[in-house]
Amino acid sequence: MTHHLHIALWGVLPYLVLAVLAGGTAWRYRYDRFGFTTRSSQLHESRLLRIGGPLFHYALFLVAGGHVMGLLVPEWLTERLSVHEPLYHAVALTVGGTAGIAAVAGLAVLLYRRLRVPAVRRGTSRSDRLVHPLLALVLLAGLTATFSSSVSAHHPYDYRLGVSVWFRSLFTLDPDTAAMAHAPLVYRVHALPAMALFAAWPFSRLVHALTAPLGYLTRPYLVYRSRARTTPYRHPAAPLERRPPR
């Protein structure tokens, strides 16, 4: 029974999540492409948003970059690049831990703002009530895993030889379920809500992450010209002034 459960969780569920993510995003774009928005509430409150918004988003970029390095780059490659494991884990602990703490702090500010400001609280949707706890759980579990694997003196766990192997095996369509099944509980607690978060992604405001305005980097500048000060303003409906014949 346990073996079949591991296959279901770590061998079948990731592909189901990927199918929901891709299919849900395509459906959302087909029927609600103008709903790809954060539903900004800046008009209701801006002071806390100016603190929590950038702190959360910039830290999340660093967290995502750390996951790409840790999950996709194998250990033998960093060793060949003369980045040995003690140095790698020291950098991961310093940068990843700092980014994780910043992301949790930014999310805490945003959640406090959502609960504290009545107008923002009234704008909370049902998907927000699902996504926000999932996001908090994913961040806290990931932060716990980062510090627990680094400070444990007895039997430290190297996720690059376990979780990363499982993750890369998904791309070969031959999931190494045992690698994830034998990972510490905190890593599994981190992975399962993360998959639930990606499954809910197309149906929540998180979908706005897919609409980054990259076109602004290459489009030409807009040229604005002001009216001459000597030209009086005339309403479009006003009749033209007739000059007397000479």
C-alpha atoms as a PDB file:
ATOM      1  CA  MET A   1       0.000   0.000   0.000  1.00  0.00           C
ATOM      2  CA  THR A   2       2.828   2.406   0.909  1.00  0.00           C
ATOM      3  CA  HIS A   3       4.634   1.623  -2.352  1.00  0.00           C
ATOM      4  CA  HIS A   4       1.536   2.413  -4.394  1.00  0.00           C
ATOM      5  CA  LEU A   5       1.022   5.623  -2.414  1.00  0.00           C
ATOM      6  CA  HIS A   6       4.561   6.753  -3.195  1.00  0.00           C
ATOM      7  CA  ILE A   7       4.000   6.053  -6.883  1.00  0.00           C
ATOM      8  CA  ALA A   8       0.766   8.039  -6.809  1.00  0.00           C
ATOM      9  CA  LEU A   9       2.281  11.018  -4.964  1.00  0.00           C
ATOM     10  CA  TRP A  10       5.694  11.248  -6.601  1.00  0.00           C
ATOM     11  CA  GLY A  11       5.186   9.439  -9.910  1.00  0.00           C
ATOM     12  CA  VAL A  12       1.664  10.325 -11.059  1.00  0.00           C
ATOM     13  CA  LEU A  13       0.620  13.501  -9.231  1.00  0.00           C
ATOM     14  CA  PRO A  14       3.349  15.747 -10.726  1.00  0.00           C
ATOM     15  CA  TYR A  15       2.150  15.000 -14.250  1.00  0.00           C
ATOM     16  CA  LEU A  16      -1.471  15.620 -13.274  1.00  0.00           C
ATOM     17  CA  VAL A  17      -0.455  18.979 -11.805  1.00  0.00           C
ATOM     18  CA  LEU A  18       1.433  19.843 -14.999  1.00  0.00           C
ATOM     19  CA  ALA A  19      -1.625  18.942 -17.087  1.00  0.00           C
ATOM     20  CA  VAL A  20      -3.901  21.106 -14.929  1.00  0.00           C
ATOM     21  CA  LEU A  21      -1.412  23.979 -15.024  1.00  0.00           C
ATOM     22  CA  ALA A  22      -1.059  23.898 -18.814  1.00  0.00           C
ATOM     23  CA  GLY A  23      -4.717  23.172 -19.578  1.00  0.00           C
ATOM     24  CA  GLY A  24      -6.027  25.639 -17.006  1.00  0.00           C
ATOM     25  CA  THR A  25      -3.773  28.406 -18.302  1.00  0.00           C
ATOM     26  CA  ALA A  26      -4.880  27.779 -21.885  1.00  0.00           C
ATOM     27  CA  TRP A  27      -8.542  27.791 -20.799  1.00  0.00           C
ATOM     28  CA  ARG A  28      -8.073  30.975 -18.787  1.00  0.00           C
ATOM     29  CA  TYR A  29      -6.385  32.707 -21.708  1.00  0.00           C
ATOM     30  CA  ARG A  30      -9.147  31.586 -24.062  1.00  0.00           C
ATOM     31  CA  TYR A  31     -12.062  32.718 -21.940  1.00  0.00           C
ATOM     32  CA  ASP A  32     -10.643  35.277 -19.494  1.00  0.00           C
ATOM     33  CA  ARG A  33      -7.455  36.751 -20.936  1.00  0.00           C
ATOM     34  CA  PHE A  34      -8.383  40.196 -19.606  1.00  0.00           C
ATOM     35  CA  GLY A  35      -8.592  38.678 -16.127  1.00  0.00           C
ATOM     36  CA  PHE A  36      -4.804  38.129 -16.048  1.00  0.00           C
ATOM     37  CA  THR A  37      -4.435  40.767 -13.381  1.00  0.00           C
ATOM     38  CA  THR A  38      -3.431  41.191  -9.762  1.00  0.00           C
ATOM     39  CA  ARG A  39      -6.707  42.988  -8.991  1.00  0.00           C
ATOM     40  CA  SER A  40      -4.681  45.790  -7.506  1.00  0.00           C
ATOM     41  CA  SER A  41      -5.955  47.309  -4.271  1.00  0.00           C
ATOM     42  CA  GLN A  42      -3.455  50.161  -4.178  1.00  0.00           C
ATOM     43  CA  LEU A  43      -6.245  52.744  -4.149  1.00  0.00           C
ATOM     44  CA  HIS A  44      -7.465  51.385  -0.796  1.00  0.00           C
ATOM     45  CA  GLU A  45      -4.059  51.374   0.929  1.00  0.00           C
ATOM     46  CA  SER A  46      -0.564  52.089  -0.351  1.00  0.00           C
ATOM     47  CA  ARG A  47       1.780  52.482   2.632  1.00  0.00           C
ATOM     48  CA  LEU A  48       1.944  48.797   3.595  1.00  0.00           C
ATOM     49  CA  LEU A  49       1.776  47.770  -0.054  1.00  0.00           C
ATOM     50  CA  ARG A  50       4.914  49.783  -0.836  1.00  0.00           C
ATOM     51  CA  ILE A  51       6.742  47.790   1.843  1.00  0.00           C
ATOM     52  CA  GLY A  52       5.335  44.285   1.460  1.00  0.00           C
ATOM     53  CA  GLY A  53       4.918  44.176  -2.327  1.00  0.00           C
ATOM     54  CA  PRO A  54       8.529  44.763  -3.450  1.00  0.00           C
ATOM     55  CA  LEU A  55       9.937  42.809  -0.491  1.00  0.00           C
ATOM     56  CA  PHE A  56       7.856  39.758  -1.332  1.00  0.00           C
ATOM     57  CA  HIS A  57       8.268  39.826  -5.111  1.00  0.00           C
ATOM     58  CA  TYR A  58      12.011  40.515  -5.284  1.00  0.00           C
ATOM     59  CA  ALA A  59      12.731  37.909  -2.624  1.00  0.00           C
ATOM     60  CA  LEU A  60      10.555  35.414  -4.484  1.00  0.00           C
ATOM     61  CA  PHE A  61      12.667  35.895  -7.625  1.00  0.00           C
ATOM     62  CA  LEU A  62      15.768  34.946  -5.624  1.00  0.00           C
ATOM     63  CA  VAL A  63      13.974  31.954  -4.119  1.00  0.00           C
ATOM     64  CA  ALA A  64      12.915  30.763  -7.577  1.00  0.00           C
ATOM     65  CA  GLY A  65      16.463  31.179  -8.873  1.00  0.00           C
ATOM     66  CA  GLY A  66      17.799  29.134  -5.963  1.00  0.00           C
ATOM     67  CA  HIS A  67      15.337  26.345  -6.755  1.00  0.00           C
ATOM     68  CA  VAL A  68      16.424  26.302 -10.392  1.00  0.00           C
ATOM     69  CA  MET A  69      20.062  25.955  -9.332  1.00  0.00           C
ATOM     70  CA  GLY A  70      19.395  23.369  -6.648  1.00  0.00           C
ATOM     71  CA  LEU A  71      16.950  21.179  -8.549  1.00  0.00           C
ATOM     72  CA  LEU A  72      18.164  21.315 -12.129  1.00  0.00           C
ATOM     73  CA  VAL A  73      21.952  21.627 -11.771  1.00  0.00           C
ATOM     74  CA  PRO A  74      23.459  18.277 -10.704  1.00  0.00           C
ATOM     75  CA  GLU A  75      26.148  18.048  -8.076  1.00  0.00           C
ATOM     76  CA  TRP A  76      28.811  16.719 -10.466  1.00  0.00           C
ATOM     77  CA  LEU A  77      28.476  19.812 -12.649  1.00  0.00           C
ATOM     78  CA  THR A  78      29.132  22.295  -9.842  1.00  0.00           C
ATOM     79  CA  GLU A  79      32.050  20.139  -8.698  1.00  0.00           C
ATOM     80  CA  ARG A  80      33.500  20.310 -12.209  1.00  0.00           C
ATOM     81  CA  LEU A  81      33.138  24.090 -12.079  1.00  0.00           C
ATOM     82  CA  SER A  82      35.216  24.070  -8.868  1.00  0.00           C
ATOM     83  CA  VAL A  83      32.220  24.952  -6.717  1.00  0.00           C
ATOM     84  CA  HIS A  84      32.635  22.336  -4.026  1.00  0.00           C
ATOM     85  CA  GLU A  85      29.805  21.205  -1.788  1.00  0.00           C
ATOM     86  CA  PRO A  86      30.782  23.120   1.400  1.00  0.00           C
ATOM     87  CA  LEU A  87      30.929  26.370  -0.580  1.00  0.00           C
ATOM     88  CA  TYR A  88      27.721  25.574  -2.459  1.00  0.00           C
ATOM     89  CA  HIS A  89      25.754  24.858   0.713  1.00  0.00           C
ATOM     90  CA  ALA A  90      27.197  27.905   2.480  1.00  0.00           C
ATOM     91  CA  VAL A  91      26.031  30.152  -0.364  1.00  0.00           C
ATOM     92  CA  ALA A  92      22.654  28.372  -0.508  1.00  0.00           C
ATOM     93  CA  LEU A  93      22.189  28.847   3.229  1.00  0.00           C
ATOM     94  CA  THR A  94      23.190  32.512   3.179  1.00  0.00           C
ATOM     95  CA  VAL A  95      21.450  33.682   0.010  1.00  0.00           C
ATOM     96  CA  GLY A  96      18.556  31.227   0.071  1.00  0.00           C
ATOM     97  CA  GLY A  97      17.918  31.667   3.769  1.00  0.00           C
ATOM     98  CA  THR A  98      17.973  35.457   3.518  1.00  0.00           C
ATOM     99  CA  ALA A  99      15.680  35.431   0.485  1.00  0.00           C
ATOM    100  CA  GLY A 100      13.312  32.998   2.217  1.00  0.00           C
ATOM    101  CA  ILE A 101      13.100  35.150   5.343  1.00  0.00           C
ATOM    102  CA  ALA A 102      12.490  38.252   3.206  1.00  0.00           C
ATOM    103  CA  ALA A 103       9.738  36.482   1.230  1.00  0.00           C
ATOM    104  CA  VAL A 104       8.014  35.322   4.424  1.00  0.00           C
ATOM    105  CA  ALA A 105       8.286  38.839   5.903  1.00  0.00           C
ATOM    106  CA  GLY A 106       6.862  40.417   2.732  1.00  0.00           C
ATOM    107  CA  LEU A 107       3.989  37.938   2.644  1.00  0.00           C
ATOM    108  CA  ALA A 108       3.288  38.599   6.328  1.00  0.00           C
ATOM    109  CA  VAL A 109       3.020  42.339   5.631  1.00  0.00           C
ATOM    110  CA  LEU A 110       0.664  41.726   2.708  1.00  0.00           C
ATOM    111  CA  LEU A 111      -1.528  39.342   4.710  1.00  0.00           C
ATOM    112  CA  TYR A 112      -1.642  41.776   7.632  1.00  0.00           C
ATOM    113  CA  ARG A 113      -2.682  44.508   5.199  1.00  0.00           C
ATOM    114  CA  ARG A 114      -5.401  42.297   3.735  1.00  0.00           C
ATOM    115  CA  LEU A 115      -6.797  41.526   7.185  1.00  0.00           C
ATOM    116  CA  ARG A 116      -6.325  45.005   8.641  1.00  0.00           C
ATOM    117  CA  VAL A 117      -7.752  47.199   5.840  1.00  0.00           C
ATOM    118  CA  PRO A 118     -11.541  46.655   5.488  1.00  0.00           C
ATOM    119  CA  ALA A 119     -11.709  47.571   1.788  1.00  0.00           C
ATOM    120  CA  VAL A 120      -8.864  45.197   0.928  1.00  0.00           C
ATOM    121  CA  ARG A 121     -10.392  42.465   3.066  1.00  0.00           C
ATOM    122  CA  ARG A 122     -13.709  42.769   1.236  1.00  0.00           C
ATOM    123  CA  GLY A 123     -11.897  42.314  -2.060  1.00  0.00           C
ATOM    124  CA  THR A 124     -10.506  38.927  -1.016  1.00  0.00           C
ATOM    125  CA  SER A 125     -11.781  36.221  -3.367  1.00  0.00           C
ATOM    126  CA  ARG A 126     -12.365  32.544  -2.674  1.00  0.00           C
ATOM    127  CA  SER A 127      -9.233  31.649  -4.605  1.00  0.00           C
ATOM    128  CA  ASP A 128      -7.249  34.028  -2.389  1.00  0.00           C
ATOM    129  CA  ARG A 129      -8.423  32.160   0.700  1.00  0.00           C
ATOM    130  CA  LEU A 130      -6.978  28.993  -0.802  1.00  0.00           C
ATOM    131  CA  VAL A 131      -3.792  30.385  -2.325  1.00  0.00           C
ATOM    132  CA  HIS A 132      -2.589  32.517   0.585  1.00  0.00           C
ATOM    133  CA  PRO A 133      -2.398  29.668   3.155  1.00  0.00           C
ATOM    134  CA  LEU A 134      -0.790  27.395   0.546  1.00  0.00           C
ATOM    135  CA  LEU A 135       1.795  30.044  -0.269  1.00  0.00           C
ATOM    136  CA  ALA A 136       2.580  30.619   3.396  1.00  0.00           C
ATOM    137  CA  LEU A 137       2.929  26.872   4.017  1.00  0.00           C
ATOM    138  CA  VAL A 138       5.226  26.405   1.006  1.00  0.00           C
ATOM    139  CA  LEU A 139       7.500  29.264   2.075  1.00  0.00           C
ATOM    140  CA  LEU A 140       7.671  28.220   5.721  1.00  0.00           C
ATOM    141  CA  ALA A 141       8.343  24.569   4.889  1.00  0.00           C
ATOM    142  CA  GLY A 142      11.018  25.545   2.383  1.00  0.00           C
ATOM    143  CA  LEU A 143      12.669  27.861   4.897  1.00  0.00           C
ATOM    144  CA  THR A 144      12.590  25.127   7.536  1.00  0.00           C
ATOM    145  CA  ALA A 145      14.126  22.640   5.109  1.00  0.00           C
ATOM    146  CA  THR A 146      16.891  25.094   4.193  1.00  0.00           C
ATOM    147  CA  PHE A 147      18.006  25.612   7.776  1.00  0.00           C
ATOM    148  CA  SER A 148      17.381  22.084   9.042  1.00  0.00           C
ATOM    149  CA  SER A 149      19.532  20.467   6.355  1.00  0.00           C
ATOM    150  CA  SER A 150      22.351  22.932   6.912  1.00  0.00           C
ATOM    151  CA  VAL A 151      22.593  23.137  10.689  1.00  0.00           C
ATOM    152  CA  SER A 152      21.979  19.483  11.468  1.00  0.00           C
ATOM    153  CA  ALA A 153      25.233  18.007  12.733  1.00  0.00           C
ATOM    154  CA  HIS A 154      23.852  14.456  12.891  1.00  0.00           C
ATOM    155  CA  HIS A 155      23.056  12.879   9.509  1.00  0.00           C
ATOM    156  CA  PRO A 156      22.673  16.073   7.421  1.00  0.00           C
ATOM    157  CA  TYR A 157      20.463  15.537   4.392  1.00  0.00           C
ATOM    158  CA  ASP A 158      21.801  16.487   0.956  1.00  0.00           C
ATOM    159  CA  TYR A 159      18.730  17.309  -1.124  1.00  0.00           C
ATOM    160  CA  ARG A 160      20.858  17.384  -4.288  1.00  0.00           C
ATOM    161  CA  LEU A 161      21.258  13.622  -3.972  1.00  0.00           C
ATOM    162  CA  GLY A 162      17.590  13.004  -3.217  1.00  0.00           C
ATOM    163  CA  VAL A 163      14.918  15.586  -4.044  1.00  0.00           C
ATOM    164  CA  SER A 164      16.870  16.948  -7.009  1.00  0.00           C
ATOM    165  CA  VAL A 165      17.337  13.465  -8.454  1.00  0.00           C
ATOM    166  CA  TRP A 166      13.580  12.874  -8.234  1.00  0.00           C
ATOM    167  CA  PHE A 167      12.778  16.227  -9.826  1.00  0.00           C
ATOM    168  CA  ARG A 168      15.122  15.720 -12.787  1.00  0.00           C
ATOM    169  CA  SER A 169      13.826  12.187 -13.299  1.00  0.00           C
ATOM    170  CA  LEU A 170      10.369  13.631 -14.025  1.00  0.00           C
ATOM    171  CA  PHE A 171      11.715  15.067 -17.296  1.00  0.00           C
ATOM    172  CA  THR A 172      12.849  11.615 -18.436  1.00  0.00           C
ATOM    173  CA  LEU A 173       9.340  10.213 -17.805  1.00  0.00           C
ATOM    174  CA  ASP A 174      10.866   7.688 -15.409  1.00  0.00           C
ATOM    175  CA  PRO A 175      10.222   9.156 -11.933  1.00  0.00           C
ATOM    176  CA  ASP A 176      12.591   8.023  -9.194  1.00  0.00           C
ATOM    177  CA  THR A 177       9.869   7.858  -6.559  1.00  0.00           C
ATOM    178  CA  ALA A 178      12.146   6.256  -3.981  1.00  0.00           C
ATOM    179  CA  ALA A 179      14.418   9.312  -3.984  1.00  0.00           C
ATOM    180  CA  MET A 180      11.521  11.500  -2.860  1.00  0.00           C
ATOM    181  CA  ALA A 181       9.854   8.927  -0.641  1.00  0.00           C
ATOM    182  CA  HIS A 182      13.010   8.661   1.495  1.00  0.00           C
ATOM    183  CA  ALA A 183      13.439  12.428   1.813  1.00  0.00           C
ATOM    184  CA  PRO A 184      12.828  13.999   5.251  1.00  0.00           C
ATOM    185  CA  LEU A 185       9.241  14.894   6.050  1.00  0.00           C
ATOM    186  CA  VAL A 186       9.818  18.645   5.763  1.00  0.00           C
ATOM    187  CA  TYR A 187      10.801  18.271   2.089  1.00  0.00           C
ATOM    188  CA  ARG A 188       7.660  16.285   1.338  1.00  0.00           C
ATOM    189  CA  VAL A 189       5.571  18.853   3.210  1.00  0.00           C
ATOM    190  CA  HIS A 190       7.239  21.485   1.063  1.00  0.00           C
ATOM    191  CA  ALA A 191       6.632  19.626  -2.218  1.00  0.00           C
ATOM    192  CA  LEU A 192       2.981  18.626  -1.810  1.00  0.00           C
ATOM    193  CA  PRO A 193       1.574  22.130  -1.099  1.00  0.00           C
ATOM    194  CA  ALA A 194       3.828  23.444  -3.875  1.00  0.00           C
ATOM    195  CA  MET A 195       2.154  21.087  -6.349  1.00  0.00           C
ATOM    196  CA  ALA A 196      -1.264  22.129  -5.040  1.00  0.00           C
ATOM    197  CA  LEU A 197      -0.234  25.757  -5.528  1.00  0.00           C
ATOM    198  CA  PHE A 198       0.746  25.154  -9.156  1.00  0.00           C
ATOM    199  CA  ALA A 199      -2.540  23.327  -9.771  1.00  0.00           C
ATOM    200  CA  ALA A 200      -4.460  26.334  -8.427  1.00  0.00           C
ATOM    201  CA  TRP A 201      -2.241  28.815 -10.292  1.00  0.00           C
ATOM    202  CA  PRO A 202      -4.347  29.281 -13.468  1.00  0.00           C
ATOM    203  CA  PHE A 203      -7.527  29.856 -11.474  1.00  0.00           C
ATOM    204  CA  SER A 204      -6.165  32.544  -9.136  1.00  0.00           C
ATOM    205  CA  ARG A 205      -4.552  35.948  -9.355  1.00  0.00           C
ATOM    206  CA  LEU A 206      -1.153  34.217  -9.480  1.00  0.00           C
ATOM    207  CA  VAL A 207      -1.721  33.869 -13.219  1.00  0.00           C
ATOM    208  CA  HIS A 208      -0.616  37.486 -13.599  1.00  0.00           C
ATOM    209  CA  ALA A 209       2.980  36.232 -13.315  1.00  0.00           C
ATOM    210  CA  LEU A 210       2.614  34.942 -16.897  1.00  0.00           C
ATOM    211  CA  THR A 211       1.945  38.440 -18.233  1.00  0.00           C
ATOM    212  CA  ALA A 212       5.270  40.114 -17.497  1.00  0.00           C
ATOM    213  CA  PRO A 213       5.457  43.138 -19.858  1.00  0.00           C
ATOM    214  CA  LEU A 214       8.642  42.010 -21.618  1.00  0.00           C
ATOM    215  CA  GLY A 215       7.561  43.869 -24.746  1.00  0.00           C
ATOM    216  CA  TYR A 216       8.318  47.144 -22.989  1.00  0.00           C
ATOM    217  CA  LEU A 217      12.033  46.303 -23.280  1.00  0.00           C
ATOM    218  CA  THR A 218      12.017  46.369 -27.076  1.00  0.00           C
ATOM    219  CA  ARG A 219       9.173  48.654 -28.116  1.00  0.00           C
ATOM    220  CA  PRO A 220      10.020  52.183 -29.373  1.00  0.00           C
ATOM    221  CA  TYR A 221       9.622  55.167 -27.120  1.00  0.00           C
ATOM    222  CA  LEU A 222       6.381  57.098 -27.133  1.00  0.00           C
ATOM    223  CA  VAL A 223       6.807  60.736 -28.091  1.00  0.00           C
ATOM    224  CA  TYR A 224       4.672  63.265 -26.251  1.00  0.00           C
ATOM    225  CA  ARG A 225       4.322  66.811 -27.563  1.00  0.00           C
ATOM    226  CA  SER A 226       2.735  69.553 -25.533  1.00  0.00           C
ATOM    227  CA  ARG A 227       0.503  72.239 -26.982  1.00  0.00           C
ATOM    228  CA  ALA A 228       2.058  75.616 -27.609  1.00  0.00           C
ATOM    229  CA  ARG A 229       1.218  78.053 -24.834  1.00  0.00           C
ATOM    230  CA  THR A 230       0.135  80.689 -27.356  1.00  0.00           C
ATOM    231  CA  THR A 231      -2.543  78.405 -28.810  1.00  0.00           C
ATOM    232  CA  PRO A 232      -5.804  78.827 -26.879  1.00  0.00           C
ATOM    233  CA  TYR A 233      -7.779  75.726 -26.005  1.00  0.00           C
ATOM    234  CA  ARG A 234     -10.908  75.211 -28.088  1.00  0.00           C
ATOM    235  CA  HIS A 235     -13.548  72.642 -27.197  1.00  0.00           C
ATOM    236  CA  PRO A 236     -14.141  70.258 -30.122  1.00  0.00           C
ATOM    237  CA  ALA A 237     -17.841  71.138 -30.188  1.00  0.00           C
ATOM    238  CA  ALA A 238     -17.270  74.896 -30.251  1.00  0.00           C
ATOM    239  CA  PRO A 239     -17.887  76.607 -33.606  1.00  0.00           C
ATOM    240  CA  LEU A 240     -14.917  77.934 -35.501  1.00  0.00           C
ATOM    241  CA  GLU A 241     -14.321  81.644 -35.249  1.00  0.00           C
ATOM    242  CA  ARG A 242     -15.026  83.399 -38.522  1.00  0.00           C
ATOM    243  CA  ARG A 243     -12.739  86.153 -39.574  1.00  0.00           C
ATOM    244  CA  PRO A 244     -14.253  89.191 -41.325  1.00  0.00           C
ATOM    245  CA  PRO A 245     -13.434  89.390 -45.058  1.00  0.00           C
ATOM    246  CA  ARG A 246     -10.759  91.870 -46.049  1.00  0.00           C
END
